[in-house]
Amino acid sequence: MRHIVFALGVLGMAALSLLAFAVLRSQPAQEQEAPERLLTSQADTAFHETELLQEKPPRIVREETKGVYLTRWSAGSEVRVAQVLELARQGKVNSVVVDIKDSGGSVAYDSGVLEAAALGAERGNIKNIALFLERFHEAGLYVIARIAVFQDPVFAGAHPEYALRKESSPQELWTDNKGLAWVDPAARAAWEYNAALATDAFSRGFDEVNFDYVRFPSDGNLSDISYPVWDEEMPMREVISSFYEYLDAGLRNKVISVDLFGLAAADTWDDMGIGQVLEDALPFFDFISPMVYPSHFAPGFLGFKNPDEHPYEVVNFSLQRARERVAEFAKTRESAAKLRPWLQYFDLVDSKVSYDSSLIREQIRAAEDALGKDFAGFLLWNPENVYPPEEVGEITKEGVDAL
């Protein structure tokens, strides 16, 4: 699976651990030390003690994924769950991604993680997680737990000592364009909390854990951010890469994946100001999932005034470039990571482009053509979680064969 963590990576994590005790600019040092010690103790306990829970046998990783996405709300809806089960029965999907911690910081079920309970993050959308997983597994579905990491208003609100603040008003939490608060990506306590949730998810029978929002903020008034832990000297990509190493070390022999911006697949120049570089993730994950949504590429990409109108070209170019970079990386370092993109199954409010089944099939064909023998499937992102069987059938019949 993933390669052995390099010694330098361990040293990098040690350096970041020291950063976690940095003093907030707006608060005295003595107010920071006690919360850090308490939180670390709780998170460490959750991270390691869940290994003592009954281990579920590992399931076969899908060679070619056909997956759909469920929010925690949909995961608690019998109608939405039944729809996915019917898709599986008809052979139209073989995988499902379920939010267990969403970008609002809410946890979908009562976990065994002490900090989640202490934060009041557990919402109980999934009443019986064992039965929930059993139903999906009996239908032959490969079940992926999704965790939104550093965009987390719940954790940030409960622990402002680790939250991004406004430089202009240090007593206020900084928020992005959606009004959501973020945790400092260099805060070790946040690493421990999210890793604990992942460990708990595996202990309950999830087949894979997918990490999203593993980055610095990309929108909002970025010039007004005050970081309580990050020293703003260590490159962003090194902070994020150290978190990758931490996950790999703590979740060894588990299947893990990470979501990257779609532009990270094609952009070879920098980390886009958010710390994401494709090559940095390759040694530490089983799957890399670029979010190659054509609507999210800026005007002018590949010379297109509106990339949203050219799904095949955008997806094909991005993944072809990513495949070339993976091959180049493999010449000097070991990596077993496979590219498994998120594809667009939604329309932007102000867009004239409707992503019907034909345009989604165009994306699938683009991914197949770009990745060739390395094609590992796809995940469909539909925030409304509406997947009519007849429409999904139209999407998949000319894409990946039913497994």
Protein backbone atom coordinates (compact mmCIF):
# COMPACT_ATOMS: atom_id res chain seq x y z
CA MET A 1 0.00 0.00 0.00
CA ARG A 2 1.50 3.35 0.94
CA HIS A 3 5.24 3.57 1.43
CA ILE A 4 7.03 3.82 4.75
CA VAL A 5 7.11 7.36 6.10
CA PHE A 6 10.51 8.93 5.65
CA ALA A 7 12.48 9.99 8.70
CA LEU A 8 12.52 13.58 7.49
CA GLY A 9 8.74 13.55 7.53
CA VAL A 10 8.73 12.55 11.18
CA LEU A 11 11.08 15.43 11.97
CA GLY A 12 8.73 17.73 10.09
CA MET A 13 5.81 16.59 12.23
CA ALA A 14 7.85 17.14 15.37
CA ALA A 15 8.53 20.71 14.28
CA LEU A 16 4.84 21.35 13.69
CA SER A 17 4.02 19.85 17.08
CA LEU A 18 6.16 22.55 18.69
CA LEU A 19 4.31 25.17 16.65
CA ALA A 20 1.04 24.02 18.19
CA PHE A 21 2.12 25.61 21.50
CA ALA A 22 2.66 29.03 19.90
CA VAL A 23 1.14 31.97 21.78
CA LEU A 24 -1.89 33.69 20.30
CA ARG A 25 -1.14 37.29 19.35
CA SER A 26 -4.24 38.46 21.13
CA GLN A 27 -4.13 36.38 24.33
CA PRO A 28 -1.60 35.72 27.13
CA ALA A 29 0.41 32.48 27.02
CA GLN A 30 -0.96 30.97 30.21
CA GLU A 31 -4.47 30.88 28.70
CA GLN A 32 -3.24 28.70 25.84
CA GLU A 33 -1.28 25.97 27.58
CA ALA A 34 -4.04 24.23 29.53
CA PRO A 35 -6.48 23.82 26.61
CA GLU A 36 -3.70 22.38 24.43
CA ARG A 37 -2.70 19.75 27.00
CA LEU A 38 -6.32 18.77 27.70
CA LEU A 39 -7.30 18.55 24.05
CA THR A 40 -4.25 16.54 23.07
CA SER A 41 -4.93 14.06 25.85
CA GLN A 42 -8.53 13.57 24.77
CA ALA A 43 -7.76 13.30 21.07
CA ASP A 44 -4.83 10.93 21.59
CA THR A 45 -7.02 8.69 23.71
CA ALA A 46 -9.73 8.57 21.04
CA PHE A 47 -7.18 8.03 18.27
CA HIS A 48 -5.63 4.99 19.91
CA GLU A 49 -8.38 3.41 22.01
CA THR A 50 -10.73 2.98 19.05
CA GLU A 51 -8.20 0.47 17.71
CA LEU A 52 -9.32 -1.74 20.59
CA LEU A 53 -12.85 -1.87 19.17
CA GLN A 54 -13.68 -4.92 17.12
CA GLU A 55 -11.78 -4.72 13.84
CA LYS A 56 -13.84 -5.24 10.70
CA PRO A 57 -12.14 -7.29 7.98
CA PRO A 58 -10.87 -5.10 5.12
CA ARG A 59 -13.03 -5.11 2.01
CA ILE A 60 -11.72 -5.32 -1.52
CA VAL A 61 -10.87 -1.89 -2.87
CA ARG A 62 -12.84 -1.23 -6.02
CA GLU A 63 -10.70 -1.39 -9.14
CA GLU A 64 -13.15 0.95 -10.87
CA THR A 65 -15.35 3.06 -8.64
CA LYS A 66 -18.80 4.30 -9.61
CA GLY A 67 -19.72 6.38 -6.60
CA VAL A 68 -22.32 8.91 -5.46
CA TYR A 69 -22.24 11.29 -2.51
CA LEU A 70 -24.54 11.67 0.51
CA THR A 71 -24.58 14.50 3.03
CA ARG A 72 -25.16 13.64 6.68
CA TRP A 73 -28.77 14.79 6.22
CA SER A 74 -29.29 12.40 3.32
CA ALA A 75 -27.57 9.64 5.25
CA GLY A 76 -30.33 10.04 7.83
CA SER A 77 -33.08 10.02 5.19
CA GLU A 78 -34.65 6.67 4.36
CA VAL A 79 -35.70 8.03 0.96
CA ARG A 80 -32.14 9.02 0.01
CA VAL A 81 -30.63 5.83 1.39
CA ALA A 82 -33.19 3.68 -0.41
CA GLN A 83 -32.40 5.47 -3.65
CA VAL A 84 -28.71 4.57 -3.40
CA LEU A 85 -29.55 0.99 -2.45
CA GLU A 86 -31.74 0.74 -5.54
CA LEU A 87 -28.93 2.08 -7.72
CA ALA A 88 -26.66 -0.59 -6.27
CA ARG A 89 -29.28 -3.30 -6.84
CA GLN A 90 -29.48 -2.30 -10.50
CA GLY A 91 -25.69 -2.31 -10.83
CA LYS A 92 -25.52 1.40 -11.60
CA VAL A 93 -23.23 2.33 -8.70
CA ASN A 94 -20.86 0.30 -6.54
CA SER A 95 -19.71 2.92 -4.02
CA VAL A 96 -21.08 5.67 -1.83
CA VAL A 97 -19.36 8.58 -0.07
CA VAL A 98 -20.97 9.67 3.20
CA ASP A 99 -20.24 12.81 5.20
CA ILE A 100 -19.27 11.84 8.71
CA LYS A 101 -17.94 15.36 9.44
CA ASP A 102 -19.09 18.02 7.04
CA SER A 103 -17.75 21.49 6.28
CA GLY A 104 -19.98 22.88 9.01
CA GLY A 105 -18.10 20.77 11.56
CA SER A 106 -21.08 18.52 12.33
CA VAL A 107 -20.53 14.80 12.95
CA ALA A 108 -23.22 12.52 11.52
CA TYR A 109 -23.44 9.94 14.30
CA ASP A 110 -22.47 9.33 17.92
CA SER A 111 -18.83 8.42 17.57
CA GLY A 112 -16.39 7.06 20.10
CA VAL A 113 -14.33 10.26 19.93
CA LEU A 114 -14.37 12.13 23.23
CA GLU A 115 -13.64 15.50 21.68
CA ALA A 116 -16.56 15.23 19.24
CA ALA A 117 -18.93 14.71 22.16
CA ALA A 118 -17.30 17.49 24.18
CA LEU A 119 -17.68 19.92 21.27
CA GLY A 120 -21.34 19.03 20.85
CA ALA A 121 -20.51 18.22 17.22
CA GLU A 122 -22.47 14.96 17.03
CA ARG A 123 -25.86 15.49 15.38
CA GLY A 124 -27.23 11.95 15.33
CA ASN A 125 -28.36 12.01 11.71
CA ILE A 126 -27.39 8.36 11.41
CA LYS A 127 -29.15 6.75 14.36
CA ASN A 128 -27.61 3.31 14.08
CA ILE A 129 -24.26 3.40 12.31
CA ALA A 130 -23.80 -0.39 12.46
CA LEU A 131 -27.14 -1.04 10.72
CA PHE A 132 -26.49 1.79 8.26
CA LEU A 133 -23.21 0.23 7.13
CA GLU A 134 -24.64 -3.28 7.14
CA ARG A 135 -27.37 -2.27 4.67
CA PHE A 136 -24.88 -0.72 2.27
CA HIS A 137 -22.45 -3.62 2.53
CA GLU A 138 -25.17 -6.18 1.95
CA ALA A 139 -26.00 -4.29 -1.25
CA GLY A 140 -22.38 -4.72 -2.34
CA LEU A 141 -21.46 -1.09 -1.86
CA TYR A 142 -17.97 0.12 -0.97
CA VAL A 143 -18.56 2.78 1.71
CA ILE A 144 -16.33 5.84 2.02
CA ALA A 145 -16.44 8.18 5.02
CA ARG A 146 -15.79 11.82 4.12
CA ILE A 147 -14.22 14.21 6.62
CA ALA A 148 -13.99 17.96 5.98
CA VAL A 149 -10.86 18.89 7.92
CA PHE A 150 -9.83 22.53 8.41
CA GLN A 151 -13.10 24.26 7.51
CA ASP A 152 -14.76 23.53 10.84
CA PRO A 153 -16.87 26.20 12.56
CA VAL A 154 -17.73 23.88 15.47
CA PHE A 155 -14.11 23.17 16.42
CA ALA A 156 -13.09 26.77 15.73
CA GLY A 157 -15.90 28.15 17.88
CA ALA A 158 -15.14 25.85 20.79
CA HIS A 159 -11.37 26.37 20.52
CA PRO A 160 -10.71 29.92 19.33
CA GLU A 161 -7.09 29.44 20.37
CA TYR A 162 -6.71 27.30 17.22
CA ALA A 163 -9.08 29.26 14.99
CA LEU A 164 -8.22 31.79 12.31
CA ARG A 165 -8.86 35.32 13.61
CA LYS A 166 -9.35 38.66 11.94
CA GLU A 167 -6.14 40.66 11.84
CA SER A 168 -8.24 43.82 11.96
CA SER A 169 -10.28 42.63 14.94
CA PRO A 170 -8.38 39.91 16.87
CA GLN A 171 -11.35 39.05 19.10
CA GLU A 172 -13.41 37.94 16.08
CA LEU A 173 -13.13 34.67 14.22
CA TRP A 174 -12.25 35.05 10.55
CA THR A 175 -14.82 33.56 8.18
CA ASP A 176 -14.82 32.79 4.46
CA ASN A 177 -17.33 33.88 1.83
CA LYS A 178 -19.84 31.35 3.18
CA GLY A 179 -19.52 32.74 6.69
CA LEU A 180 -17.75 29.61 7.93
CA ALA A 181 -14.85 29.65 10.39
CA TRP A 182 -11.58 27.78 9.86
CA VAL A 183 -9.02 26.05 12.05
CA ASP A 184 -5.33 26.85 11.62
CA PRO A 185 -3.93 24.02 9.43
CA ALA A 186 -0.79 23.96 11.57
CA ALA A 187 -2.73 23.22 14.79
CA ARG A 188 -1.75 19.73 15.93
CA ALA A 189 -4.90 19.49 18.02
CA ALA A 190 -7.00 19.68 14.86
CA TRP A 191 -4.86 16.96 13.27
CA GLU A 192 -5.50 14.69 16.24
CA TYR A 193 -9.23 15.35 16.27
CA ASN A 194 -9.74 14.52 12.59
CA ALA A 195 -7.48 11.47 12.77
CA ALA A 196 -9.47 10.26 15.76
CA LEU A 197 -12.69 10.51 13.79
CA ALA A 198 -11.09 8.56 10.94
CA THR A 199 -9.86 5.83 13.26
CA ASP A 200 -13.31 5.53 14.80
CA ALA A 201 -14.89 5.33 11.33
CA PHE A 202 -12.63 2.44 10.36
CA SER A 203 -13.39 0.63 13.59
CA ARG A 204 -17.10 0.76 12.75
CA GLY A 205 -16.66 -0.72 9.30
CA PHE A 206 -16.15 2.08 6.80
CA ASP A 207 -13.98 0.83 3.93
CA GLU A 208 -12.15 4.07 3.25
CA VAL A 209 -11.82 7.56 4.71
CA ASN A 210 -11.74 10.53 2.36
CA PHE A 211 -10.26 13.82 3.59
CA ASP A 212 -11.50 17.11 2.14
CA TYR A 213 -10.69 20.76 2.92
CA VAL A 214 -7.09 19.80 3.59
CA ARG A 215 -5.80 23.23 2.73
CA PHE A 216 -5.61 26.87 3.67
CA PRO A 217 -8.63 29.10 2.88
CA SER A 218 -9.12 30.11 -0.74
CA ASP A 219 -11.82 32.81 -0.50
CA GLY A 220 -12.87 35.61 1.77
CA ASN A 221 -10.65 38.49 2.90
CA LEU A 222 -7.43 36.48 2.97
CA SER A 223 -5.31 39.53 3.82
CA ASP A 224 -7.20 39.92 7.11
CA ILE A 225 -6.31 36.47 8.50
CA SER A 226 -4.33 36.10 11.70
CA TYR A 227 -2.88 32.62 12.27
CA PRO A 228 -2.54 31.52 15.93
CA VAL A 229 -0.19 28.58 15.24
CA TRP A 230 1.32 28.82 11.76
CA ASP A 231 4.37 31.09 11.83
CA GLU A 232 3.72 32.29 8.25
CA GLU A 233 7.33 31.40 7.41
CA MET A 234 7.08 27.66 6.83
CA PRO A 235 5.65 27.26 3.30
CA MET A 236 1.96 26.38 3.25
CA ARG A 237 2.64 23.24 1.24
CA GLU A 238 5.01 21.97 3.94
CA VAL A 239 2.32 22.43 6.60
CA ILE A 240 -0.18 20.48 4.52
CA SER A 241 2.36 17.84 3.54
CA SER A 242 3.22 17.27 7.19
CA PHE A 243 -0.44 16.63 7.89
CA TYR A 244 -0.47 14.08 5.06
CA GLU A 245 2.46 12.30 6.70
CA TYR A 246 0.71 12.35 10.06
CA LEU A 247 -2.38 10.68 8.59
CA ASP A 248 -0.32 8.06 6.80
CA ALA A 249 1.61 7.20 9.96
CA GLY A 250 -1.49 6.90 12.14
CA LEU A 251 -3.72 5.12 9.63
CA ARG A 252 -1.25 2.62 8.25
CA ASN A 253 -2.81 -0.28 6.33
CA LYS A 254 -6.09 1.63 6.04
CA VAL A 255 -7.41 2.93 2.73
CA ILE A 256 -7.35 6.73 2.72
CA SER A 257 -7.88 9.36 0.05
CA VAL A 258 -7.67 13.13 -0.27
CA ASP A 259 -9.57 15.68 -2.35
CA LEU A 260 -7.62 18.36 -4.21
CA PHE A 261 -8.71 21.37 -6.22
CA GLY A 262 -9.14 20.51 -9.87
CA LEU A 263 -6.50 23.05 -10.79
CA ALA A 264 -4.01 21.16 -8.62
CA ALA A 265 -4.09 18.41 -11.25
CA ALA A 266 -2.99 20.79 -14.01
CA ASP A 267 -1.11 23.52 -12.15
CA THR A 268 2.62 22.75 -11.88
CA TRP A 269 3.79 26.19 -10.82
CA ASP A 270 2.86 26.63 -7.17
CA ASP A 271 0.50 25.60 -4.38
CA MET A 272 -2.19 28.10 -5.52
CA GLY A 273 -1.87 29.89 -2.19
CA ILE A 274 -3.68 27.10 -0.33
CA GLY A 275 -0.88 24.57 0.22
CA GLN A 276 -2.08 21.93 -2.26
CA VAL A 277 0.49 20.32 -4.57
CA LEU A 278 -0.34 17.02 -6.24
CA GLU A 279 3.14 15.53 -5.78
CA ASP A 280 3.06 16.22 -2.04
CA ALA A 281 0.03 13.95 -1.61
CA LEU A 282 1.18 11.04 -3.77
CA PRO A 283 3.29 9.12 -1.20
CA PHE A 284 0.65 9.13 1.51
CA PHE A 285 -2.74 8.20 0.02
CA ASP A 286 -4.32 5.33 -1.87
CA PHE A 287 -6.48 7.64 -3.98
CA ILE A 288 -6.12 11.25 -5.04
CA SER A 289 -9.43 12.82 -6.04
CA PRO A 290 -9.06 16.06 -8.01
CA MET A 291 -12.35 17.98 -8.12
CA VAL A 292 -12.21 18.62 -11.87
CA TYR A 293 -15.54 20.43 -12.08
CA PRO A 294 -15.48 22.39 -15.36
CA SER A 295 -17.60 25.17 -13.85
CA HIS A 296 -14.87 25.85 -11.28
CA PHE A 297 -12.13 26.64 -13.78
CA ALA A 298 -11.55 30.33 -14.47
CA PRO A 299 -12.42 31.95 -17.81
CA GLY A 300 -9.45 31.57 -20.13
CA PHE A 301 -8.50 28.09 -18.98
CA LEU A 302 -7.36 26.23 -22.11
CA GLY A 303 -8.41 29.32 -24.02
CA PHE A 304 -12.10 28.83 -23.27
CA LYS A 305 -14.17 31.88 -22.39
CA ASN A 306 -16.46 29.60 -20.38
CA PRO A 307 -14.77 26.29 -19.41
CA ASP A 308 -18.16 25.14 -18.08
CA GLU A 309 -19.24 24.62 -21.67
CA HIS A 310 -16.34 22.27 -22.45
CA PRO A 311 -16.47 19.43 -19.89
CA TYR A 312 -14.61 16.85 -22.00
CA GLU A 313 -11.67 19.13 -22.75
CA VAL A 314 -11.32 20.44 -19.19
CA VAL A 315 -11.52 17.03 -17.50
CA ASN A 316 -9.37 15.29 -20.09
CA PHE A 317 -6.58 17.87 -20.01
CA SER A 318 -6.52 18.10 -16.20
CA LEU A 319 -6.37 14.35 -15.66
CA GLN A 320 -3.94 13.75 -18.52
CA ARG A 321 -1.61 16.32 -16.97
CA ALA A 322 -2.06 14.74 -13.54
CA ARG A 323 -1.27 11.28 -14.94
CA GLU A 324 1.95 12.60 -16.49
CA ARG A 325 2.96 14.12 -13.17
CA VAL A 326 2.24 10.88 -11.31
CA ALA A 327 4.41 8.97 -13.79
CA GLU A 328 7.23 11.49 -13.44
CA PHE A 329 7.01 11.34 -9.65
CA ALA A 330 7.21 7.53 -9.71
CA LYS A 331 10.64 7.72 -11.33
CA THR A 332 12.21 8.92 -8.09
CA ARG A 333 9.80 8.11 -5.23
CA GLU A 334 7.43 5.29 -4.38
CA SER A 335 3.70 5.87 -4.62
CA ALA A 336 0.73 3.55 -4.99
CA ALA A 337 -1.77 6.41 -5.27
CA LYS A 338 -4.39 6.23 -8.01
CA LEU A 339 -6.25 9.15 -9.56
CA ARG A 340 -10.01 8.93 -8.96
CA PRO A 341 -11.70 12.23 -9.83
CA TRP A 342 -14.79 13.92 -8.51
CA LEU A 343 -17.00 14.78 -11.50
CA GLN A 344 -19.61 17.50 -11.78
CA TYR A 345 -23.24 16.46 -11.34
CA PHE A 346 -24.72 19.88 -10.58
CA ASP A 347 -25.48 23.22 -12.22
CA LEU A 348 -24.26 26.57 -11.00
CA VAL A 349 -27.08 28.99 -10.25
CA ASP A 350 -25.95 31.59 -12.78
CA SER A 351 -24.74 29.14 -15.43
CA LYS A 352 -26.44 28.54 -18.76
CA VAL A 353 -24.99 25.02 -18.86
CA SER A 354 -27.14 22.14 -17.61
CA TYR A 355 -25.22 19.07 -16.51
CA ASP A 356 -27.57 16.44 -17.80
CA SER A 357 -26.60 12.82 -18.29
CA SER A 358 -24.89 13.54 -21.63
CA LEU A 359 -22.46 16.06 -20.13
CA ILE A 360 -21.70 13.77 -17.21
CA ARG A 361 -20.97 10.95 -19.65
CA GLU A 362 -18.63 13.34 -21.44
CA GLN A 363 -16.69 13.78 -18.20
CA ILE A 364 -16.50 10.03 -17.64
CA ARG A 365 -15.27 9.48 -21.19
CA ALA A 366 -12.72 12.25 -20.71
CA ALA A 367 -11.43 10.58 -17.54
CA GLU A 368 -11.22 7.17 -19.22
CA ASP A 369 -9.37 8.60 -22.22
CA ALA A 370 -6.95 10.58 -20.06
CA LEU A 371 -6.11 7.84 -17.56
CA GLY A 372 -6.21 4.79 -19.84
CA LYS A 373 -5.13 1.64 -18.02
CA ASP A 374 -4.78 3.71 -14.83
CA PHE A 375 -8.47 4.61 -14.78
CA ALA A 376 -9.81 3.86 -11.29
CA GLY A 377 -13.34 5.14 -11.65
CA PHE A 378 -15.08 8.31 -10.55
CA LEU A 379 -17.20 9.92 -7.85
CA LEU A 380 -20.23 12.07 -8.70
CA TRP A 381 -20.69 15.26 -6.69
CA ASN A 382 -24.31 16.31 -6.41
CA PRO A 383 -24.87 18.50 -3.32
CA GLU A 384 -28.63 17.85 -3.47
CA ASN A 385 -28.05 14.08 -3.45
CA VAL A 386 -30.78 13.42 -6.01
CA TYR A 387 -29.89 10.40 -8.12
CA PRO A 388 -32.84 9.18 -10.23
CA PRO A 389 -32.08 5.57 -11.26
CA GLU A 390 -32.98 6.20 -14.91
CA GLU A 391 -30.67 9.21 -15.09
CA VAL A 392 -27.75 7.51 -13.34
CA GLY A 393 -28.29 4.56 -15.66
CA GLU A 394 -27.90 6.88 -18.63
CA ILE A 395 -24.76 8.34 -17.07
CA THR A 396 -23.00 5.06 -16.35
CA LYS A 397 -24.05 2.80 -19.21
CA GLU A 398 -21.57 4.34 -21.62
CA GLY A 399 -18.95 4.90 -18.99
CA VAL A 400 -17.73 2.26 -16.58
CA ASP A 401 -19.22 -1.20 -17.00
CA ALA A 402 -21.19 -2.50 -14.02
CA LEU A 403 -18.94 -4.42 -11.68
